[in-house]
Amino acid sequence: MSEEQADRYRTEAEKCRRLAERAIKQPDREAWLRLAADWLKLAEGASVRKG
């Protein structure tokens, strides 16, 4: 994977964080934040594999 791929994952994480901020229900907010965390883990993995 490339740094470009890692950047894409970070972008997806940011989208999830924004959706979490707008979520009305706590379970929805938590789900968005979990997805954001998963995207960030993918980004970290993509960066590590590159190096």
PDB file of N, CA and C in Angstrom:
ATOM      1  N   MET A   1       0.838  -1.185   0.000  1.00  0.00           N
ATOM      2  CA  MET A   1       0.000   0.000   0.000  1.00  0.00           C
ATOM      3  C   MET A   1       0.877   1.239   0.000  1.00  0.00           C
ATOM      4  N   SER A   2       0.301   2.302  -0.445  1.00  0.00           N
ATOM      5  CA  SER A   2       1.076   3.526  -0.585  1.00  0.00           C
ATOM      6  C   SER A   2       0.624   4.589   0.409  1.00  0.00           C
ATOM      7  N   GLU A   3       1.406   5.638   0.490  1.00  0.00           N
ATOM      8  CA  GLU A   3       1.020   6.771   1.328  1.00  0.00           C
ATOM      9  C   GLU A   3      -0.267   7.395   0.793  1.00  0.00           C
ATOM     10  N   GLU A   4      -0.460   7.325  -0.509  1.00  0.00           N
ATOM     11  CA  GLU A   4      -1.704   7.820  -1.116  1.00  0.00           C
ATOM     12  C   GLU A   4      -2.901   7.056  -0.551  1.00  0.00           C
ATOM     13  N   GLN A   5      -2.756   5.755  -0.420  1.00  0.00           N
ATOM     14  CA  GLN A   5      -3.817   4.927   0.151  1.00  0.00           C
ATOM     15  C   GLN A   5      -4.037   5.306   1.621  1.00  0.00           C
ATOM     16  N   ALA A   6      -2.968   5.505   2.357  1.00  0.00           N
ATOM     17  CA  ALA A   6      -3.071   5.900   3.766  1.00  0.00           C
ATOM     18  C   ALA A   6      -3.796   7.239   3.886  1.00  0.00           C
ATOM     19  N   ASP A   7      -3.511   8.175   2.998  1.00  0.00           N
ATOM     20  CA  ASP A   7      -4.194   9.471   3.013  1.00  0.00           C
ATOM     21  C   ASP A   7      -5.686   9.307   2.766  1.00  0.00           C
ATOM     22  N   ARG A   8      -6.036   8.417   1.858  1.00  0.00           N
ATOM     23  CA  ARG A   8      -7.446   8.150   1.582  1.00  0.00           C
ATOM     24  C   ARG A   8      -8.134   7.610   2.829  1.00  0.00           C
ATOM     25  N   TYR A   9      -7.470   6.707   3.533  1.00  0.00           N
ATOM     26  CA  TYR A   9      -8.034   6.161   4.767  1.00  0.00           C
ATOM     27  C   TYR A   9      -8.209   7.250   5.819  1.00  0.00           C
ATOM     28  N   ARG A  10      -7.236   8.149   5.916  1.00  0.00           N
ATOM     29  CA  ARG A  10      -7.348   9.248   6.879  1.00  0.00           C
ATOM     30  C   ARG A  10      -8.522  10.171   6.524  1.00  0.00           C
ATOM     31  N   THR A  11      -8.739  10.379   5.246  1.00  0.00           N
ATOM     32  CA  THR A  11      -9.872  11.183   4.796  1.00  0.00           C
ATOM     33  C   THR A  11     -11.185  10.535   5.197  1.00  0.00           C
ATOM     34  N   GLU A  12     -11.267   9.225   5.024  1.00  0.00           N
ATOM     35  CA  GLU A  12     -12.482   8.501   5.417  1.00  0.00           C
ATOM     36  C   GLU A  12     -12.698   8.599   6.928  1.00  0.00           C
ATOM     37  N   ALA A  13     -11.618   8.521   7.696  1.00  0.00           N
ATOM     38  CA  ALA A  13     -11.727   8.643   9.153  1.00  0.00           C
ATOM     39  C   ALA A  13     -12.283  10.011   9.526  1.00  0.00           C
ATOM     40  N   GLU A  14     -11.806  11.042   8.856  1.00  0.00           N
ATOM     41  CA  GLU A  14     -12.287  12.395   9.141  1.00  0.00           C
ATOM     42  C   GLU A  14     -13.772  12.529   8.808  1.00  0.00           C
ATOM     43  N   LYS A  15     -14.205  11.930   7.711  1.00  0.00           N
ATOM     44  CA  LYS A  15     -15.632  11.957   7.365  1.00  0.00           C
ATOM     45  C   LYS A  15     -16.456  11.303   8.464  1.00  0.00           C
ATOM     46  N   CYS A  16     -15.974  10.186   8.979  1.00  0.00           N
ATOM     47  CA  CYS A  16     -16.685   9.494  10.049  1.00  0.00           C
ATOM     48  C   CYS A  16     -16.744  10.348  11.311  1.00  0.00           C
ATOM     49  N   ARG A  17     -15.667  11.034  11.628  1.00  0.00           N
ATOM     50  CA  ARG A  17     -15.672  11.906  12.810  1.00  0.00           C
ATOM     51  C   ARG A  17     -16.691  13.034  12.652  1.00  0.00           C
ATOM     52  N   ARG A  18     -16.780  13.596  11.457  1.00  0.00           N
ATOM     53  CA  ARG A  18     -17.766  14.658  11.222  1.00  0.00           C
ATOM     54  C   ARG A  18     -19.191  14.132  11.354  1.00  0.00           C
ATOM     55  N   LEU A  19     -19.416  12.928  10.842  1.00  0.00           N
ATOM     56  CA  LEU A  19     -20.745  12.332  10.974  1.00  0.00           C
ATOM     57  C   LEU A  19     -21.063  12.027  12.433  1.00  0.00           C
ATOM     58  N   ALA A  20     -20.066  11.644  13.196  1.00  0.00           N
ATOM     59  CA  ALA A  20     -20.270  11.397  14.625  1.00  0.00           C
ATOM     60  C   ALA A  20     -20.687  12.684  15.328  1.00  0.00           C
ATOM     61  N   GLU A  21     -20.087  13.796  14.953  1.00  0.00           N
ATOM     62  CA  GLU A  21     -20.430  15.078  15.569  1.00  0.00           C
ATOM     63  C   GLU A  21     -21.891  15.448  15.307  1.00  0.00           C
ATOM     64  N   ARG A  22     -22.401  15.034  14.159  1.00  0.00           N
ATOM     65  CA  ARG A  22     -23.773  15.376  13.786  1.00  0.00           C
ATOM     66  C   ARG A  22     -24.804  14.366  14.267  1.00  0.00           C
ATOM     67  N   ALA A  23     -24.345  13.214  14.722  1.00  0.00           N
ATOM     68  CA  ALA A  23     -25.271  12.166  15.142  1.00  0.00           C
ATOM     69  C   ALA A  23     -26.085  12.620  16.342  1.00  0.00           C
ATOM     70  N   ILE A  24     -27.343  12.316  16.317  1.00  0.00           N
ATOM     71  CA  ILE A  24     -28.244  12.710  17.396  1.00  0.00           C
ATOM     72  C   ILE A  24     -28.197  11.676  18.521  1.00  0.00           C
ATOM     73  N   LYS A  25     -28.202  10.415  18.145  1.00  0.00           N
ATOM     74  CA  LYS A  25     -28.242   9.340  19.141  1.00  0.00           C
ATOM     75  C   LYS A  25     -26.826   8.885  19.498  1.00  0.00           C
ATOM     76  N   GLN A  26     -26.620   8.645  20.774  1.00  0.00           N
ATOM     77  CA  GLN A  26     -25.313   8.213  21.271  1.00  0.00           C
ATOM     78  C   GLN A  26     -24.812   6.934  20.591  1.00  0.00           C
ATOM     79  N   PRO A  27     -25.658   5.903  20.408  1.00  0.00           N
ATOM     80  CA  PRO A  27     -25.154   4.698  19.739  1.00  0.00           C
ATOM     81  C   PRO A  27     -24.654   4.973  18.318  1.00  0.00           C
ATOM     82  N   ASP A  28     -25.323   5.881  17.623  1.00  0.00           N
ATOM     83  CA  ASP A  28     -24.883   6.245  16.276  1.00  0.00           C
ATOM     84  C   ASP A  28     -23.535   6.954  16.329  1.00  0.00           C
ATOM     85  N   ARG A  29     -23.399   7.872  17.279  1.00  0.00           N
ATOM     86  CA  ARG A  29     -22.139   8.607  17.448  1.00  0.00           C
ATOM     87  C   ARG A  29     -20.998   7.635  17.723  1.00  0.00           C
ATOM     88  N   GLU A  30     -21.244   6.685  18.609  1.00  0.00           N
ATOM     89  CA  GLU A  30     -20.210   5.712  18.955  1.00  0.00           C
ATOM     90  C   GLU A  30     -19.840   4.834  17.761  1.00  0.00           C
ATOM     91  N   ALA A  31     -20.833   4.471  16.975  1.00  0.00           N
ATOM     92  CA  ALA A  31     -20.565   3.645  15.795  1.00  0.00           C
ATOM     93  C   ALA A  31     -19.687   4.401  14.792  1.00  0.00           C
ATOM     94  N   TRP A  32     -19.996   5.680  14.561  1.00  0.00           N
ATOM     95  CA  TRP A  32     -19.178   6.489  13.644  1.00  0.00           C
ATOM     96  C   TRP A  32     -17.755   6.619  14.143  1.00  0.00           C
ATOM     97  N   LEU A  33     -17.610   6.797  15.459  1.00  0.00           N
ATOM     98  CA  LEU A  33     -16.265   6.933  16.022  1.00  0.00           C
ATOM     99  C   LEU A  33     -15.483   5.625  15.926  1.00  0.00           C
ATOM    100  N   ARG A  34     -16.161   4.497  16.063  1.00  0.00           N
ATOM    101  CA  ARG A  34     -15.488   3.197  15.881  1.00  0.00           C
ATOM    102  C   ARG A  34     -15.024   3.042  14.438  1.00  0.00           C
ATOM    103  N   LEU A  35     -15.872   3.452  13.512  1.00  0.00           N
ATOM    104  CA  LEU A  35     -15.473   3.385  12.102  1.00  0.00           C
ATOM    105  C   LEU A  35     -14.277   4.292  11.830  1.00  0.00           C
ATOM    106  N   ALA A  36     -14.282   5.465  12.416  1.00  0.00           N
ATOM    107  CA  ALA A  36     -13.149   6.383  12.256  1.00  0.00           C
ATOM    108  C   ALA A  36     -11.874   5.730  12.778  1.00  0.00           C
ATOM    109  N   ALA A  37     -11.962   5.096  13.929  1.00  0.00           N
ATOM    110  CA  ALA A  37     -10.789   4.426  14.502  1.00  0.00           C
ATOM    111  C   ALA A  37     -10.306   3.306  13.589  1.00  0.00           C
ATOM    112  N   ASP A  38     -11.232   2.578  13.001  1.00  0.00           N
ATOM    113  CA  ASP A  38     -10.845   1.496  12.084  1.00  0.00           C
ATOM    114  C   ASP A  38     -10.124   2.047  10.851  1.00  0.00           C
ATOM    115  N   TRP A  39     -10.638   3.153  10.304  1.00  0.00           N
ATOM    116  CA  TRP A  39      -9.977   3.774   9.154  1.00  0.00           C
ATOM    117  C   TRP A  39      -8.559   4.208   9.513  1.00  0.00           C
ATOM    118  N   LEU A  40      -8.401   4.763  10.717  1.00  0.00           N
ATOM    119  CA  LEU A  40      -7.067   5.210  11.134  1.00  0.00           C
ATOM    120  C   LEU A  40      -6.114   4.029  11.303  1.00  0.00           C
ATOM    121  N   LYS A  41      -6.612   2.903  11.782  1.00  0.00           N
ATOM    122  CA  LYS A  41      -5.775   1.703  11.896  1.00  0.00           C
ATOM    123  C   LYS A  41      -5.312   1.250  10.511  1.00  0.00           C
ATOM    124  N   LEU A  42      -6.224   1.308   9.547  1.00  0.00           N
ATOM    125  CA  LEU A  42      -5.848   0.956   8.176  1.00  0.00           C
ATOM    126  C   LEU A  42      -4.782   1.911   7.645  1.00  0.00           C
ATOM    127  N   ALA A  43      -4.949   3.197   7.937  1.00  0.00           N
ATOM    128  CA  ALA A  43      -3.976   4.191   7.490  1.00  0.00           C
ATOM    129  C   ALA A  43      -2.604   3.915   8.103  1.00  0.00           C
ATOM    130  N   GLU A  44      -2.587   3.598   9.384  1.00  0.00           N
ATOM    131  CA  GLU A  44      -1.318   3.300  10.049  1.00  0.00           C
ATOM    132  C   GLU A  44      -0.674   2.075   9.423  1.00  0.00           C
ATOM    133  N   GLY A  45      -1.465   1.063   9.165  1.00  0.00           N
ATOM    134  CA  GLY A  45      -0.936  -0.142   8.539  1.00  0.00           C
ATOM    135  C   GLY A  45      -0.382   0.120   7.148  1.00  0.00           C
ATOM    136  N   ALA A  46      -1.060   0.970   6.397  1.00  0.00           N
ATOM    137  CA  ALA A  46      -0.596   1.298   5.050  1.00  0.00           C
ATOM    138  C   ALA A  46       0.713   2.053   5.108  1.00  0.00           C
ATOM    139  N   SER A  47       0.846   2.952   6.083  1.00  0.00           N
ATOM    140  CA  SER A  47       2.096   3.716   6.211  1.00  0.00           C
ATOM    141  C   SER A  47       3.251   2.834   6.645  1.00  0.00           C
ATOM    142  N   VAL A  48       2.990   1.916   7.554  1.00  0.00           N
ATOM    143  CA  VAL A  48       4.043   1.023   8.067  1.00  0.00           C
ATOM    144  C   VAL A  48       4.539   0.095   6.962  1.00  0.00           C
ATOM    145  N   ARG A  49       3.615  -0.451   6.188  1.00  0.00           N
ATOM    146  CA  ARG A  49       4.003  -1.382   5.115  1.00  0.00           C
ATOM    147  C   ARG A  49       4.846  -0.703   4.055  1.00  0.00           C
ATOM    148  N   LYS A  50       4.579   0.597   3.849  1.00  0.00           N
ATOM    149  CA  LYS A  50       5.331   1.333   2.840  1.00  0.00           C
ATOM    150  C   LYS A  50       6.795   1.455   3.249  1.00  0.00           C
ATOM    151  N   GLY A  51       7.012   1.751   4.553  1.00  0.00           N
ATOM    152  CA  GLY A  51       8.363   2.009   5.040  1.00  0.00           C
ATOM    153  C   GLY A  51       9.116   0.780   5.245  1.00  0.00           C
TER     154      GLY A  51
END
